[in-house]
Amino acid sequence: MEHCYELSDAQWEQVQPVLLSGRPGTPGINTDNRLFINVVLWILWTGSPWRALPERFGKWNSVYRRFARWA
C-alpha cells in the first residue's frame, strides 16, 4: 500500500537518474535510495522528530546522519 508520502513508481523513475550513488563500497551511502527519499518525505509530511522514525525505515540516527551529509 502506497502512502501519500511515498514516491510512486512513475515519480521514482523521474528522480532516480539525478541521485548520486556515492562512492562504491561506502556503507550506507548507496543503499536503497528510494527508501531514503521516502524517509525524508515522511519526516516532512509528519513533522515528527528524527527519533520518532518508525523502525521499518532503519535506525533513526543512521538515517539522520545520511540526511545531514546529503543536505
N, C-alpha and C. Protein backbone atom coordinates (compact mmCIF):
# COMPACT_ATOMS: atom_id res chain seq x y z
N MET A 1 0.84 -1.19 0.00
CA MET A 1 0.00 0.00 0.00
C MET A 1 0.88 1.24 0.00
N GLU A 2 0.65 2.10 -0.96
CA GLU A 2 1.42 3.34 -1.03
C GLU A 2 0.78 4.39 -0.14
N HIS A 3 1.63 5.15 0.51
CA HIS A 3 1.17 6.25 1.35
C HIS A 3 1.40 7.56 0.61
N CYS A 4 0.78 8.60 1.07
CA CYS A 4 0.88 9.88 0.38
C CYS A 4 2.31 10.44 0.41
N TYR A 5 3.13 9.98 1.34
CA TYR A 5 4.49 10.49 1.41
C TYR A 5 5.49 9.60 0.67
N GLU A 6 5.04 8.51 0.07
CA GLU A 6 5.93 7.62 -0.66
C GLU A 6 5.88 7.93 -2.14
N LEU A 7 7.04 7.81 -2.79
CA LEU A 7 7.10 8.04 -4.22
C LEU A 7 6.41 6.91 -4.97
N SER A 8 5.66 7.27 -5.98
CA SER A 8 5.07 6.26 -6.86
C SER A 8 6.19 5.75 -7.78
N ASP A 9 5.92 4.67 -8.48
CA ASP A 9 6.91 4.14 -9.42
C ASP A 9 7.26 5.17 -10.49
N ALA A 10 6.25 5.88 -10.98
CA ALA A 10 6.48 6.90 -12.02
C ALA A 10 7.34 8.05 -11.49
N GLN A 11 7.07 8.48 -10.27
CA GLN A 11 7.87 9.55 -9.67
C GLN A 11 9.30 9.09 -9.44
N TRP A 12 9.46 7.85 -8.97
CA TRP A 12 10.79 7.32 -8.73
C TRP A 12 11.60 7.25 -10.02
N GLU A 13 10.97 6.87 -11.12
CA GLU A 13 11.66 6.79 -12.40
C GLU A 13 12.20 8.16 -12.83
N GLN A 14 11.52 9.24 -12.45
CA GLN A 14 11.97 10.58 -12.79
C GLN A 14 13.10 11.05 -11.87
N VAL A 15 13.05 10.67 -10.61
CA VAL A 15 14.01 11.14 -9.61
C VAL A 15 15.30 10.34 -9.63
N GLN A 16 15.21 9.05 -9.83
CA GLN A 16 16.36 8.16 -9.71
C GLN A 16 17.59 8.58 -10.52
N PRO A 17 17.45 8.97 -11.77
CA PRO A 17 18.65 9.30 -12.55
C PRO A 17 19.47 10.48 -12.00
N VAL A 18 18.86 11.36 -11.25
CA VAL A 18 19.61 12.53 -10.77
C VAL A 18 20.24 12.31 -9.40
N LEU A 19 19.97 11.18 -8.77
CA LEU A 19 20.57 10.89 -7.47
C LEU A 19 21.97 10.34 -7.65
N LEU A 20 22.88 10.87 -6.86
CA LEU A 20 24.24 10.34 -6.88
C LEU A 20 24.25 9.04 -6.10
N SER A 21 25.03 8.10 -6.56
CA SER A 21 25.07 6.81 -5.88
C SER A 21 26.17 6.74 -4.84
N GLY A 22 26.97 7.78 -4.69
CA GLY A 22 28.03 7.77 -3.69
C GLY A 22 29.27 7.03 -4.18
N ARG A 23 30.25 6.94 -3.32
CA ARG A 23 31.47 6.22 -3.65
C ARG A 23 31.21 4.72 -3.52
N PRO A 24 31.65 3.94 -4.48
CA PRO A 24 31.47 2.49 -4.38
C PRO A 24 32.12 1.94 -3.11
N GLY A 25 31.42 1.06 -2.44
CA GLY A 25 31.95 0.44 -1.25
C GLY A 25 31.74 1.21 0.03
N THR A 26 31.15 2.40 -0.02
CA THR A 26 30.91 3.17 1.19
C THR A 26 29.60 2.69 1.81
N PRO A 27 29.66 2.10 3.00
CA PRO A 27 28.45 1.56 3.62
C PRO A 27 27.39 2.64 3.87
N GLY A 28 26.15 2.33 3.58
CA GLY A 28 25.05 3.23 3.89
C GLY A 28 24.83 4.35 2.90
N ILE A 29 25.76 4.58 2.00
CA ILE A 29 25.62 5.71 1.08
C ILE A 29 24.73 5.35 -0.10
N ASN A 30 24.99 4.21 -0.71
CA ASN A 30 24.23 3.89 -1.92
C ASN A 30 23.26 2.74 -1.70
N THR A 31 22.82 2.57 -0.45
CA THR A 31 21.83 1.53 -0.17
C THR A 31 20.43 2.11 -0.23
N ASP A 32 19.63 1.57 -1.05
CA ASP A 32 18.21 1.90 -1.21
C ASP A 32 17.89 3.39 -1.15
N ASN A 33 18.24 4.07 -2.22
CA ASN A 33 17.97 5.50 -2.30
C ASN A 33 16.48 5.81 -2.24
N ARG A 34 15.66 4.93 -2.79
CA ARG A 34 14.22 5.18 -2.77
C ARG A 34 13.68 5.19 -1.34
N LEU A 35 14.13 4.25 -0.52
CA LEU A 35 13.72 4.22 0.87
C LEU A 35 14.17 5.50 1.58
N PHE A 36 15.39 5.93 1.31
CA PHE A 36 15.89 7.15 1.92
C PHE A 36 15.03 8.36 1.56
N ILE A 37 14.69 8.49 0.29
CA ILE A 37 13.84 9.61 -0.14
C ILE A 37 12.48 9.52 0.54
N ASN A 38 11.93 8.31 0.65
CA ASN A 38 10.64 8.15 1.33
C ASN A 38 10.74 8.53 2.81
N VAL A 39 11.87 8.26 3.44
CA VAL A 39 12.06 8.67 4.83
C VAL A 39 12.04 10.19 4.94
N VAL A 40 12.77 10.85 4.06
CA VAL A 40 12.79 12.32 4.08
C VAL A 40 11.39 12.87 3.87
N LEU A 41 10.66 12.29 2.94
CA LEU A 41 9.28 12.73 2.70
C LEU A 41 8.41 12.47 3.92
N TRP A 42 8.62 11.34 4.61
CA TRP A 42 7.85 11.04 5.82
C TRP A 42 8.11 12.08 6.90
N ILE A 43 9.38 12.45 7.10
CA ILE A 43 9.73 13.47 8.11
C ILE A 43 9.05 14.79 7.75
N LEU A 44 9.12 15.19 6.49
CA LEU A 44 8.49 16.44 6.07
C LEU A 44 6.97 16.38 6.21
N TRP A 45 6.38 15.26 5.83
CA TRP A 45 4.92 15.11 5.86
C TRP A 45 4.38 15.14 7.29
N THR A 46 5.05 14.42 8.20
CA THR A 46 4.53 14.28 9.56
C THR A 46 5.00 15.38 10.50
N GLY A 47 6.16 15.96 10.21
CA GLY A 47 6.73 16.96 11.12
C GLY A 47 7.31 16.34 12.38
N SER A 48 7.48 15.02 12.37
CA SER A 48 7.99 14.31 13.54
C SER A 48 9.49 14.53 13.70
N PRO A 49 9.98 14.39 14.92
CA PRO A 49 11.43 14.44 15.11
C PRO A 49 12.06 13.15 14.58
N TRP A 50 13.34 13.22 14.26
CA TRP A 50 14.03 12.06 13.73
C TRP A 50 13.94 10.86 14.66
N ARG A 51 13.96 11.09 15.97
CA ARG A 51 13.92 9.98 16.93
C ARG A 51 12.61 9.20 16.87
N ALA A 52 11.57 9.77 16.29
CA ALA A 52 10.28 9.10 16.17
C ALA A 52 10.14 8.30 14.87
N LEU A 53 11.22 8.19 14.12
CA LEU A 53 11.19 7.46 12.85
C LEU A 53 10.80 6.00 13.09
N PRO A 54 9.79 5.49 12.39
CA PRO A 54 9.40 4.09 12.55
C PRO A 54 10.56 3.15 12.22
N GLU A 55 10.63 2.04 12.92
CA GLU A 55 11.73 1.09 12.75
C GLU A 55 11.83 0.53 11.34
N ARG A 56 10.72 0.50 10.60
CA ARG A 56 10.77 -0.05 9.24
C ARG A 56 11.68 0.76 8.32
N PHE A 57 11.99 2.01 8.72
CA PHE A 57 12.87 2.86 7.93
C PHE A 57 14.34 2.71 8.31
N GLY A 58 14.63 1.99 9.36
CA GLY A 58 16.01 1.82 9.81
C GLY A 58 16.28 2.61 11.07
N LYS A 59 17.53 2.59 11.49
CA LYS A 59 17.93 3.31 12.70
C LYS A 59 17.86 4.81 12.45
N TRP A 60 17.15 5.52 13.30
CA TRP A 60 16.91 6.95 13.06
C TRP A 60 18.23 7.72 12.97
N ASN A 61 19.20 7.39 13.80
CA ASN A 61 20.44 8.17 13.81
C ASN A 61 21.24 7.97 12.53
N SER A 62 21.25 6.75 12.01
CA SER A 62 21.95 6.48 10.76
C SER A 62 21.29 7.23 9.60
N VAL A 63 19.97 7.20 9.59
CA VAL A 63 19.24 7.90 8.52
C VAL A 63 19.44 9.41 8.64
N TYR A 64 19.42 9.92 9.87
CA TYR A 64 19.62 11.35 10.07
C TYR A 64 21.02 11.78 9.62
N ARG A 65 22.04 10.99 9.96
CA ARG A 65 23.41 11.34 9.53
C ARG A 65 23.51 11.35 8.02
N ARG A 66 22.88 10.40 7.36
CA ARG A 66 22.88 10.40 5.89
C ARG A 66 22.18 11.66 5.37
N PHE A 67 21.06 12.02 5.98
CA PHE A 67 20.35 13.23 5.57
C PHE A 67 21.22 14.47 5.78
N ALA A 68 21.91 14.55 6.91
CA ALA A 68 22.77 15.71 7.20
C ALA A 68 23.89 15.83 6.17
N ARG A 69 24.48 14.70 5.77
CA ARG A 69 25.53 14.74 4.73
C ARG A 69 24.93 15.15 3.40
N TRP A 70 23.75 14.64 3.10
CA TRP A 70 23.10 14.91 1.83
C TRP A 70 22.66 16.37 1.74
N ALA A 71 22.16 16.90 2.85
CA ALA A 71 21.68 18.29 2.84
C ALA A 71 22.84 19.25 2.68
